[in-house]
């Protein structure tokens, strides 16, 4: 997990339902991308199991791009090798 602030760590907790509201540049998207990818990789969720709602199409597009980049990054990182098969299957199911 990236180095998050205390509030960001709380938002990253997979046992919590969350709504994130914060100023621009506060790391909202980074927290959501990390949480989303961890839910897919470590907790066995499918992309269709997760609702991620944004206020604009632009924000939704950015979130999709950053999630795809993070999954690709994890697929090229040897420290995630135990999850590669799972990540490959998830990548194929992403909208």
PDB file of N, CA and C in Angstrom:
ATOM      1  N   UNK A   1       0.857  -1.173   0.000  1.00  0.00           N
ATOM      2  CA  UNK A   1       0.000   0.000   0.000  1.00  0.00           C
ATOM      3  C   UNK A   1       0.896   1.227   0.000  1.00  0.00           C
ATOM      4  N   UNK A   2       0.547   2.220  -0.811  1.00  0.00           N
ATOM      5  CA  UNK A   2       1.313   3.469  -0.784  1.00  0.00           C
ATOM      6  C   UNK A   2       1.246   4.104   0.597  1.00  0.00           C
ATOM      7  N   UNK A   3       2.084   5.077   0.843  1.00  0.00           N
ATOM      8  CA  UNK A   3       2.047   5.739   2.148  1.00  0.00           C
ATOM      9  C   UNK A   3       0.890   6.731   2.168  1.00  0.00           C
ATOM     10  N   UNK A   4      -0.150   6.367   2.885  1.00  0.00           N
ATOM     11  CA  UNK A   4      -1.345   7.179   2.998  1.00  0.00           C
ATOM     12  C   UNK A   4      -1.389   7.856   4.356  1.00  0.00           C
ATOM     13  N   UNK A   5      -2.144   8.945   4.426  1.00  0.00           N
ATOM     14  CA  UNK A   5      -2.393   9.601   5.703  1.00  0.00           C
ATOM     15  C   UNK A   5      -3.343   8.726   6.521  1.00  0.00           C
ATOM     16  N   UNK A   6      -3.556   9.105   7.772  1.00  0.00           N
ATOM     17  CA  UNK A   6      -4.466   8.333   8.636  1.00  0.00           C
ATOM     18  C   UNK A   6      -5.867   8.262   8.024  1.00  0.00           C
ATOM     19  N   UNK A   7      -6.379   9.378   7.539  1.00  0.00           N
ATOM     20  CA  UNK A   7      -7.719   9.403   6.928  1.00  0.00           C
ATOM     21  C   UNK A   7      -7.766   8.560   5.660  1.00  0.00           C
ATOM     22  N   UNK A   8      -6.709   8.613   4.862  1.00  0.00           N
ATOM     23  CA  UNK A   8      -6.658   7.819   3.641  1.00  0.00           C
ATOM     24  C   UNK A   8      -6.604   6.325   3.974  1.00  0.00           C
ATOM     25  N   UNK A   9      -5.880   5.971   5.021  1.00  0.00           N
ATOM     26  CA  UNK A   9      -5.823   4.557   5.434  1.00  0.00           C
ATOM     27  C   UNK A   9      -7.203   4.068   5.859  1.00  0.00           C
ATOM     28  N   UNK A  10      -7.963   4.901   6.566  1.00  0.00           N
ATOM     29  CA  UNK A  10      -9.320   4.521   6.958  1.00  0.00           C
ATOM     30  C   UNK A  10     -10.191   4.295   5.730  1.00  0.00           C
ATOM     31  N   UNK A  11     -10.041   5.153   4.718  1.00  0.00           N
ATOM     32  CA  UNK A  11     -10.828   5.017   3.489  1.00  0.00           C
ATOM     33  C   UNK A  11     -10.404   3.796   2.690  1.00  0.00           C
ATOM     34  N   UNK A  12      -9.186   3.345   2.875  1.00  0.00           N
ATOM     35  CA  UNK A  12      -8.653   2.189   2.146  1.00  0.00           C
ATOM     36  C   UNK A  12      -9.092   0.869   2.777  1.00  0.00           C
ATOM     37  N   UNK A  13      -9.571   0.901   4.004  1.00  0.00           N
ATOM     38  CA  UNK A  13      -9.970  -0.305   4.743  1.00  0.00           C
ATOM     39  C   UNK A  13     -11.088  -1.037   4.002  1.00  0.00           C
ATOM     40  N   UNK A  14     -10.841  -2.292   3.574  1.00  0.00           N
ATOM     41  CA  UNK A  14     -11.851  -3.017   2.793  1.00  0.00           C
ATOM     42  C   UNK A  14     -13.085  -3.416   3.594  1.00  0.00           C
ATOM     43  N   UNK A  15     -13.045  -3.289   4.902  1.00  0.00           N
ATOM     44  CA  UNK A  15     -14.190  -3.654   5.730  1.00  0.00           C
ATOM     45  C   UNK A  15     -15.165  -2.500   5.942  1.00  0.00           C
ATOM     46  N   UNK A  16     -14.894  -1.390   5.311  1.00  0.00           N
ATOM     47  CA  UNK A  16     -15.741  -0.213   5.464  1.00  0.00           C
ATOM     48  C   UNK A  16     -16.392   0.143   4.135  1.00  0.00           C
ATOM     49  N   UNK A  17     -17.630   0.612   4.202  1.00  0.00           N
ATOM     50  CA  UNK A  17     -18.265   1.239   3.047  1.00  0.00           C
ATOM     51  C   UNK A  17     -17.865   2.703   3.137  1.00  0.00           C
ATOM     52  N   UNK A  18     -17.536   3.301   2.016  1.00  0.00           N
ATOM     53  CA  UNK A  18     -17.016   4.661   2.096  1.00  0.00           C
ATOM     54  C   UNK A  18     -17.669   5.608   1.108  1.00  0.00           C
ATOM     55  N   UNK A  19     -17.585   6.857   1.458  1.00  0.00           N
ATOM     56  CA  UNK A  19     -17.884   7.973   0.568  1.00  0.00           C
ATOM     57  C   UNK A  19     -16.752   8.951   0.814  1.00  0.00           C
ATOM     58  N   UNK A  20     -16.032   9.285  -0.241  1.00  0.00           N
ATOM     59  CA  UNK A  20     -14.888  10.170  -0.086  1.00  0.00           C
ATOM     60  C   UNK A  20     -15.233  11.537  -0.640  1.00  0.00           C
ATOM     61  N   UNK A  21     -15.037  12.541   0.177  1.00  0.00           N
ATOM     62  CA  UNK A  21     -15.235  13.922  -0.232  1.00  0.00           C
ATOM     63  C   UNK A  21     -14.054  14.711   0.319  1.00  0.00           C
ATOM     64  N   UNK A  22     -13.300  15.328  -0.575  1.00  0.00           N
ATOM     65  CA  UNK A  22     -12.129  16.086  -0.140  1.00  0.00           C
ATOM     66  C   UNK A  22     -11.734  17.069  -1.233  1.00  0.00           C
ATOM     67  N   UNK A  23     -10.835  17.957  -0.886  1.00  0.00           N
ATOM     68  CA  UNK A  23     -10.359  18.969  -1.830  1.00  0.00           C
ATOM     69  C   UNK A  23      -9.580  18.345  -2.975  1.00  0.00           C
ATOM     70  N   UNK A  24      -9.454  19.100  -4.056  1.00  0.00           N
ATOM     71  CA  UNK A  24      -8.646  18.669  -5.198  1.00  0.00           C
ATOM     72  C   UNK A  24      -7.202  18.463  -4.750  1.00  0.00           C
ATOM     73  N   UNK A  25      -6.581  17.415  -5.282  1.00  0.00           N
ATOM     74  CA  UNK A  25      -5.185  17.149  -4.971  1.00  0.00           C
ATOM     75  C   UNK A  25      -4.947  16.490  -3.629  1.00  0.00           C
ATOM     76  N   UNK A  26      -6.002  16.006  -2.998  1.00  0.00           N
ATOM     77  CA  UNK A  26      -5.855  15.423  -1.662  1.00  0.00           C
ATOM     78  C   UNK A  26      -5.579  13.919  -1.685  1.00  0.00           C
ATOM     79  N   UNK A  27      -5.589  13.300  -2.870  1.00  0.00           N
ATOM     80  CA  UNK A  27      -5.295  11.878  -2.971  1.00  0.00           C
ATOM     81  C   UNK A  27      -6.505  10.975  -3.045  1.00  0.00           C
ATOM     82  N   UNK A  28      -7.683  11.530  -3.311  1.00  0.00           N
ATOM     83  CA  UNK A  28      -8.904  10.719  -3.389  1.00  0.00           C
ATOM     84  C   UNK A  28      -8.784   9.607  -4.426  1.00  0.00           C
ATOM     85  N   UNK A  29      -8.360   9.973  -5.620  1.00  0.00           N
ATOM     86  CA  UNK A  29      -8.278   8.985  -6.695  1.00  0.00           C
ATOM     87  C   UNK A  29      -7.238   7.932  -6.383  1.00  0.00           C
ATOM     88  N   UNK A  30      -6.120   8.306  -5.810  1.00  0.00           N
ATOM     89  CA  UNK A  30      -5.082   7.331  -5.440  1.00  0.00           C
ATOM     90  C   UNK A  30      -5.616   6.317  -4.434  1.00  0.00           C
ATOM     91  N   UNK A  31      -6.359   6.793  -3.457  1.00  0.00           N
ATOM     92  CA  UNK A  31      -6.947   5.898  -2.454  1.00  0.00           C
ATOM     93  C   UNK A  31      -7.955   4.967  -3.118  1.00  0.00           C
ATOM     94  N   UNK A  32      -8.823   5.507  -3.969  1.00  0.00           N
ATOM     95  CA  UNK A  32      -9.835   4.684  -4.626  1.00  0.00           C
ATOM     96  C   UNK A  32      -9.204   3.639  -5.541  1.00  0.00           C
ATOM     97  N   UNK A  33      -8.195   4.024  -6.290  1.00  0.00           N
ATOM     98  CA  UNK A  33      -7.526   3.085  -7.201  1.00  0.00           C
ATOM     99  C   UNK A  33      -6.880   1.964  -6.404  1.00  0.00           C
ATOM    100  N   UNK A  34      -6.165   2.314  -5.352  1.00  0.00           N
ATOM    101  CA  UNK A  34      -5.498   1.309  -4.532  1.00  0.00           C
ATOM    102  C   UNK A  34      -6.508   0.367  -3.878  1.00  0.00           C
ATOM    103  N   UNK A  35      -7.559   0.951  -3.321  1.00  0.00           N
ATOM    104  CA  UNK A  35      -8.589   0.139  -2.662  1.00  0.00           C
ATOM    105  C   UNK A  35      -9.274  -0.788  -3.668  1.00  0.00           C
ATOM    106  N   UNK A  36      -9.661  -0.243  -4.815  1.00  0.00           N
ATOM    107  CA  UNK A  36     -10.335  -1.015  -5.844  1.00  0.00           C
ATOM    108  C   UNK A  36      -9.464  -2.197  -6.276  1.00  0.00           C
ATOM    109  N   UNK A  37      -8.198  -1.925  -6.566  1.00  0.00           N
ATOM    110  CA  UNK A  37      -7.293  -2.983  -7.033  1.00  0.00           C
ATOM    111  C   UNK A  37      -7.037  -4.019  -5.940  1.00  0.00           C
ATOM    112  N   UNK A  38      -6.925  -3.578  -4.705  1.00  0.00           N
ATOM    113  CA  UNK A  38      -6.741  -4.529  -3.603  1.00  0.00           C
ATOM    114  C   UNK A  38      -7.978  -5.404  -3.419  1.00  0.00           C
ATOM    115  N   UNK A  39      -9.167  -4.821  -3.557  1.00  0.00           N
ATOM    116  CA  UNK A  39     -10.390  -5.615  -3.446  1.00  0.00           C
ATOM    117  C   UNK A  39     -10.425  -6.694  -4.527  1.00  0.00           C
ATOM    118  N   UNK A  40     -10.001  -6.336  -5.729  1.00  0.00           N
ATOM    119  CA  UNK A  40      -9.976  -7.302  -6.824  1.00  0.00           C
ATOM    120  C   UNK A  40      -8.913  -8.368  -6.607  1.00  0.00           C
ATOM    121  N   UNK A  41      -7.729  -7.931  -6.249  1.00  0.00           N
ATOM    122  CA  UNK A  41      -6.591  -8.849  -6.143  1.00  0.00           C
ATOM    123  C   UNK A  41      -6.609  -9.685  -4.865  1.00  0.00           C
ATOM    124  N   UNK A  42      -6.790  -9.047  -3.737  1.00  0.00           N
ATOM    125  CA  UNK A  42      -6.581  -9.711  -2.451  1.00  0.00           C
ATOM    126  C   UNK A  42      -7.847 -10.270  -1.820  1.00  0.00           C
ATOM    127  N   UNK A  43      -8.992  -9.724  -2.182  1.00  0.00           N
ATOM    128  CA  UNK A  43     -10.230 -10.119  -1.512  1.00  0.00           C
ATOM    129  C   UNK A  43     -11.195 -10.872  -2.423  1.00  0.00           C
ATOM    130  N   UNK A  44     -10.790 -11.114  -3.671  1.00  0.00           N
ATOM    131  CA  UNK A  44     -11.570 -11.959  -4.557  1.00  0.00           C
ATOM    132  C   UNK A  44     -12.797 -11.340  -5.190  1.00  0.00           C
ATOM    133  N   UNK A  45     -12.947 -10.030  -5.102  1.00  0.00           N
ATOM    134  CA  UNK A  45     -14.084  -9.388  -5.747  1.00  0.00           C
ATOM    135  C   UNK A  45     -13.894  -9.388  -7.259  1.00  0.00           C
ATOM    136  N   UNK A  46     -14.989  -9.309  -7.969  1.00  0.00           N
ATOM    137  CA  UNK A  46     -14.991  -9.128  -9.412  1.00  0.00           C
ATOM    138  C   UNK A  46     -15.301  -7.659  -9.684  1.00  0.00           C
ATOM    139  N   UNK A  47     -14.896  -7.138 -10.843  1.00  0.00           N
ATOM    140  CA  UNK A  47     -15.216  -5.735 -11.145  1.00  0.00           C
ATOM    141  C   UNK A  47     -16.713  -5.435 -11.025  1.00  0.00           C
ATOM    142  N   UNK A  48     -17.560  -6.387 -11.385  1.00  0.00           N
ATOM    143  CA  UNK A  48     -19.008  -6.158 -11.305  1.00  0.00           C
ATOM    144  C   UNK A  48     -19.539  -6.151  -9.868  1.00  0.00           C
ATOM    145  N   UNK A  49     -18.704  -6.545  -8.903  1.00  0.00           N
ATOM    146  CA  UNK A  49     -19.112  -6.544  -7.496  1.00  0.00           C
ATOM    147  C   UNK A  49     -18.909  -5.189  -6.818  1.00  0.00           C
ATOM    148  N   UNK A  50     -18.213  -4.287  -7.473  1.00  0.00           N
ATOM    149  CA  UNK A  50     -17.800  -3.032  -6.841  1.00  0.00           C
ATOM    150  C   UNK A  50     -18.486  -1.859  -7.523  1.00  0.00           C
ATOM    151  N   UNK A  51     -19.121  -1.017  -6.718  1.00  0.00           N
ATOM    152  CA  UNK A  51     -19.728   0.210  -7.240  1.00  0.00           C
ATOM    153  C   UNK A  51     -18.793   1.369  -6.920  1.00  0.00           C
ATOM    154  N   UNK A  52     -18.333   2.027  -7.944  1.00  0.00           N
ATOM    155  CA  UNK A  52     -17.516   3.229  -7.788  1.00  0.00           C
ATOM    156  C   UNK A  52     -18.227   4.342  -8.535  1.00  0.00           C
ATOM    157  N   UNK A  53     -18.740   5.311  -7.813  1.00  0.00           N
ATOM    158  CA  UNK A  53     -19.556   6.366  -8.395  1.00  0.00           C
ATOM    159  C   UNK A  53     -18.789   7.680  -8.312  1.00  0.00           C
ATOM    160  N   UNK A  54     -18.773   8.412  -9.419  1.00  0.00           N
ATOM    161  CA  UNK A  54     -18.148   9.727  -9.451  1.00  0.00           C
ATOM    162  C   UNK A  54     -19.188  10.752  -9.885  1.00  0.00           C
ATOM    163  N   UNK A  55     -18.824  12.027  -9.772  1.00  0.00           N
ATOM    164  CA  UNK A  55     -19.776  13.078 -10.135  1.00  0.00           C
ATOM    165  C   UNK A  55     -19.739  13.431 -11.611  1.00  0.00           C
ATOM    166  N   UNK A  56     -18.647  13.113 -12.283  1.00  0.00           N
ATOM    167  CA  UNK A  56     -18.543  13.499 -13.690  1.00  0.00           C
ATOM    168  C   UNK A  56     -18.029  12.336 -14.526  1.00  0.00           C
ATOM    169  N   UNK A  57     -18.339  12.380 -15.811  1.00  0.00           N
ATOM    170  CA  UNK A  57     -17.811  11.373 -16.740  1.00  0.00           C
ATOM    171  C   UNK A  57     -16.288  11.475 -16.818  1.00  0.00           C
ATOM    172  N   UNK A  58     -15.781  12.684 -16.738  1.00  0.00           N
ATOM    173  CA  UNK A  58     -14.327  12.893 -16.793  1.00  0.00           C
ATOM    174  C   UNK A  58     -13.645  12.195 -15.615  1.00  0.00           C
ATOM    175  N   UNK A  59     -14.208  12.328 -14.430  1.00  0.00           N
ATOM    176  CA  UNK A  59     -13.642  11.675 -13.249  1.00  0.00           C
ATOM    177  C   UNK A  59     -13.748  10.156 -13.368  1.00  0.00           C
ATOM    178  N   UNK A  60     -14.857   9.672 -13.912  1.00  0.00           N
ATOM    179  CA  UNK A  60     -15.025   8.225 -14.099  1.00  0.00           C
ATOM    180  C   UNK A  60     -14.001   7.690 -15.092  1.00  0.00           C
ATOM    181  N   UNK A  61     -13.782   8.435 -16.167  1.00  0.00           N
ATOM    182  CA  UNK A  61     -12.800   8.016 -17.171  1.00  0.00           C
ATOM    183  C   UNK A  61     -11.402   7.983 -16.566  1.00  0.00           C
ATOM    184  N   UNK A  62     -11.070   8.984 -15.778  1.00  0.00           N
ATOM    185  CA  UNK A  62      -9.755   9.031 -15.117  1.00  0.00           C
ATOM    186  C   UNK A  62      -9.598   7.850 -14.160  1.00  0.00           C
ATOM    187  N   UNK A  63     -10.633   7.536 -13.424  1.00  0.00           N
ATOM    188  CA  UNK A  63     -10.585   6.401 -12.495  1.00  0.00           C
ATOM    189  C   UNK A  63     -10.368   5.100 -13.250  1.00  0.00           C
ATOM    190  N   UNK A  64     -11.088   4.896 -14.351  1.00  0.00           N
ATOM    191  CA  UNK A  64     -10.911   3.683 -15.152  1.00  0.00           C
ATOM    192  C   UNK A  64      -9.485   3.568 -15.682  1.00  0.00           C
ATOM    193  N   UNK A  65      -8.952   4.659 -16.187  1.00  0.00           N
ATOM    194  CA  UNK A  65      -7.580   4.662 -16.730  1.00  0.00           C
ATOM    195  C   UNK A  65      -6.572   4.335 -15.634  1.00  0.00           C
ATOM    196  N   UNK A  66      -6.739   4.949 -14.485  1.00  0.00           N
ATOM    197  CA  UNK A  66      -5.764   4.724 -13.407  1.00  0.00           C
ATOM    198  C   UNK A  66      -5.866   3.317 -12.822  1.00  0.00           C
ATOM    199  N   UNK A  67      -7.062   2.759 -12.783  1.00  0.00           N
ATOM    200  CA  UNK A  67      -7.214   1.366 -12.333  1.00  0.00           C
ATOM    201  C   UNK A  67      -6.529   0.433 -13.316  1.00  0.00           C
ATOM    202  N   UNK A  68      -6.761   0.647 -14.604  1.00  0.00           N
ATOM    203  CA  UNK A  68      -6.118  -0.193 -15.621  1.00  0.00           C
ATOM    204  C   UNK A  68      -4.598  -0.087 -15.528  1.00  0.00           C
ATOM    205  N   UNK A  69      -4.078   1.127 -15.346  1.00  0.00           N
ATOM    206  CA  UNK A  69      -2.628   1.312 -15.200  1.00  0.00           C
ATOM    207  C   UNK A  69      -2.087   0.592 -13.964  1.00  0.00           C
ATOM    208  N   UNK A  70      -2.825   0.673 -12.869  1.00  0.00           N
ATOM    209  CA  UNK A  70      -2.365   0.020 -11.636  1.00  0.00           C
ATOM    210  C   UNK A  70      -2.339  -1.497 -11.801  1.00  0.00           C
ATOM    211  N   UNK A  71      -3.345  -2.051 -12.439  1.00  0.00           N
ATOM    212  CA  UNK A  71      -3.349  -3.499 -12.673  1.00  0.00           C
ATOM    213  C   UNK A  71      -2.194  -3.885 -13.583  1.00  0.00           C
ATOM    214  N   UNK A  72      -1.970  -3.119 -14.638  1.00  0.00           N
ATOM    215  CA  UNK A  72      -0.831  -3.398 -15.523  1.00  0.00           C
ATOM    216  C   UNK A  72       0.482  -3.287 -14.761  1.00  0.00           C
ATOM    217  N   UNK A  73       0.591  -2.306 -13.905  1.00  0.00           N
ATOM    218  CA  UNK A  73       1.802  -2.129 -13.098  1.00  0.00           C
ATOM    219  C   UNK A  73       2.032  -3.334 -12.187  1.00  0.00           C
ATOM    220  N   UNK A  74       0.959  -3.805 -11.576  1.00  0.00           N
ATOM    221  CA  UNK A  74       1.082  -4.974 -10.692  1.00  0.00           C
ATOM    222  C   UNK A  74       1.456  -6.224 -11.486  1.00  0.00           C
ATOM    223  N   UNK A  75       0.990  -6.307 -12.725  1.00  0.00           N
ATOM    224  CA  UNK A  75       1.333  -7.464 -13.552  1.00  0.00           C
ATOM    225  C   UNK A  75       2.803  -7.472 -13.969  1.00  0.00           C
ATOM    226  N   UNK A  76       3.444  -6.334 -13.966  1.00  0.00           N
ATOM    227  CA  UNK A  76       4.861  -6.272 -14.330  1.00  0.00           C
ATOM    228  C   UNK A  76       5.777  -6.224 -13.111  1.00  0.00           C
ATOM    229  N   UNK A  77       5.195  -6.202 -11.919  1.00  0.00           N
ATOM    230  CA  UNK A  77       5.970  -6.122 -10.672  1.00  0.00           C
ATOM    231  C   UNK A  77       6.110  -7.518 -10.077  1.00  0.00           C
ATOM    232  N   UNK A  78       7.336  -7.980  -9.919  1.00  0.00           N
ATOM    233  CA  UNK A  78       7.603  -9.336  -9.405  1.00  0.00           C
ATOM    234  C   UNK A  78       7.041  -9.550  -8.004  1.00  0.00           C
ATOM    235  N   UNK A  79       6.889  -8.498  -7.226  1.00  0.00           N
ATOM    236  CA  UNK A  79       6.371  -8.674  -5.868  1.00  0.00           C
ATOM    237  C   UNK A  79       4.893  -9.074  -5.853  1.00  0.00           C
ATOM    238  N   UNK A  80       4.220  -8.959  -6.997  1.00  0.00           N
ATOM    239  CA  UNK A  80       2.822  -9.374  -7.113  1.00  0.00           C
ATOM    240  C   UNK A  80       2.684 -10.702  -7.846  1.00  0.00           C
ATOM    241  N   UNK A  81       3.793 -11.433  -8.039  1.00  0.00           N
ATOM    242  CA  UNK A  81       3.775 -12.639  -8.872  1.00  0.00           C
ATOM    243  C   UNK A  81       2.767 -13.682  -8.398  1.00  0.00           C
ATOM    244  N   UNK A  82       2.515 -13.757  -7.105  1.00  0.00           N
ATOM    245  CA  UNK A  82       1.552 -14.744  -6.607  1.00  0.00           C
ATOM    246  C   UNK A  82       0.126 -14.411  -7.043  1.00  0.00           C
ATOM    247  N   UNK A  83      -0.111 -13.191  -7.477  1.00  0.00           N
ATOM    248  CA  UNK A  83      -1.449 -12.757  -7.878  1.00  0.00           C
ATOM    249  C   UNK A  83      -1.597 -12.567  -9.379  1.00  0.00           C
ATOM    250  N   UNK A  84      -0.567 -12.854 -10.147  1.00  0.00           N
ATOM    251  CA  UNK A  84      -0.613 -12.573 -11.580  1.00  0.00           C
ATOM    252  C   UNK A  84      -1.791 -13.226 -12.277  1.00  0.00           C
ATOM    253  N   UNK A  85      -2.077 -14.491 -11.993  1.00  0.00           N
ATOM    254  CA  UNK A  85      -3.205 -15.158 -12.669  1.00  0.00           C
ATOM    255  C   UNK A  85      -4.514 -14.453 -12.338  1.00  0.00           C
ATOM    256  N   UNK A  86      -4.699 -14.127 -11.080  1.00  0.00           N
ATOM    257  CA  UNK A  86      -5.905 -13.412 -10.656  1.00  0.00           C
ATOM    258  C   UNK A  86      -5.982 -12.057 -11.360  1.00  0.00           C
ATOM    259  N   UNK A  87      -4.875 -11.319 -11.374  1.00  0.00           N
ATOM    260  CA  UNK A  87      -4.860 -10.006 -11.997  1.00  0.00           C
ATOM    261  C   UNK A  87      -5.120 -10.081 -13.497  1.00  0.00           C
ATOM    262  N   UNK A  88      -4.607 -11.105 -14.158  1.00  0.00           N
ATOM    263  CA  UNK A  88      -4.862 -11.277 -15.591  1.00  0.00           C
ATOM    264  C   UNK A  88      -6.353 -11.496 -15.845  1.00  0.00           C
ATOM    265  N   UNK A  89      -6.976 -12.337 -15.020  1.00  0.00           N
ATOM    266  CA  UNK A  89      -8.419 -12.585 -15.185  1.00  0.00           C
ATOM    267  C   UNK A  89      -9.220 -11.310 -14.929  1.00  0.00           C
ATOM    268  N   UNK A  90      -8.829 -10.560 -13.913  1.00  0.00           N
ATOM    269  CA  UNK A  90      -9.529  -9.318 -13.592  1.00  0.00           C
ATOM    270  C   UNK A  90      -9.371  -8.321 -14.733  1.00  0.00           C
ATOM    271  N   UNK A  91      -8.177  -8.203 -15.277  1.00  0.00           N
ATOM    272  CA  UNK A  91      -7.918  -7.263 -16.367  1.00  0.00           C
ATOM    273  C   UNK A  91      -8.853  -7.550 -17.551  1.00  0.00           C
ATOM    274  N   UNK A  92      -9.071  -8.821 -17.824  1.00  0.00           N
ATOM    275  CA  UNK A  92      -9.952  -9.200 -18.937  1.00  0.00           C
ATOM    276  C   UNK A  92     -11.404  -8.832 -18.682  1.00  0.00           C
ATOM    277  N   UNK A  93     -11.793  -8.728 -17.421  1.00  0.00           N
ATOM    278  CA  UNK A  93     -13.191  -8.436 -17.076  1.00  0.00           C
ATOM    279  C   UNK A  93     -13.468  -6.941 -16.873  1.00  0.00           C
ATOM    280  N   UNK A  94     -12.424  -6.134 -16.869  1.00  0.00           N
ATOM    281  CA  UNK A  94     -12.659  -4.702 -16.641  1.00  0.00           C
ATOM    282  C   UNK A  94     -13.450  -4.099 -17.798  1.00  0.00           C
ATOM    283  N   UNK A  95     -14.389  -3.226 -17.477  1.00  0.00           N
ATOM    284  CA  UNK A  95     -15.167  -2.590 -18.540  1.00  0.00           C
ATOM    285  C   UNK A  95     -14.312  -1.645 -19.371  1.00  0.00           C
TER     286      UNK A  95
END
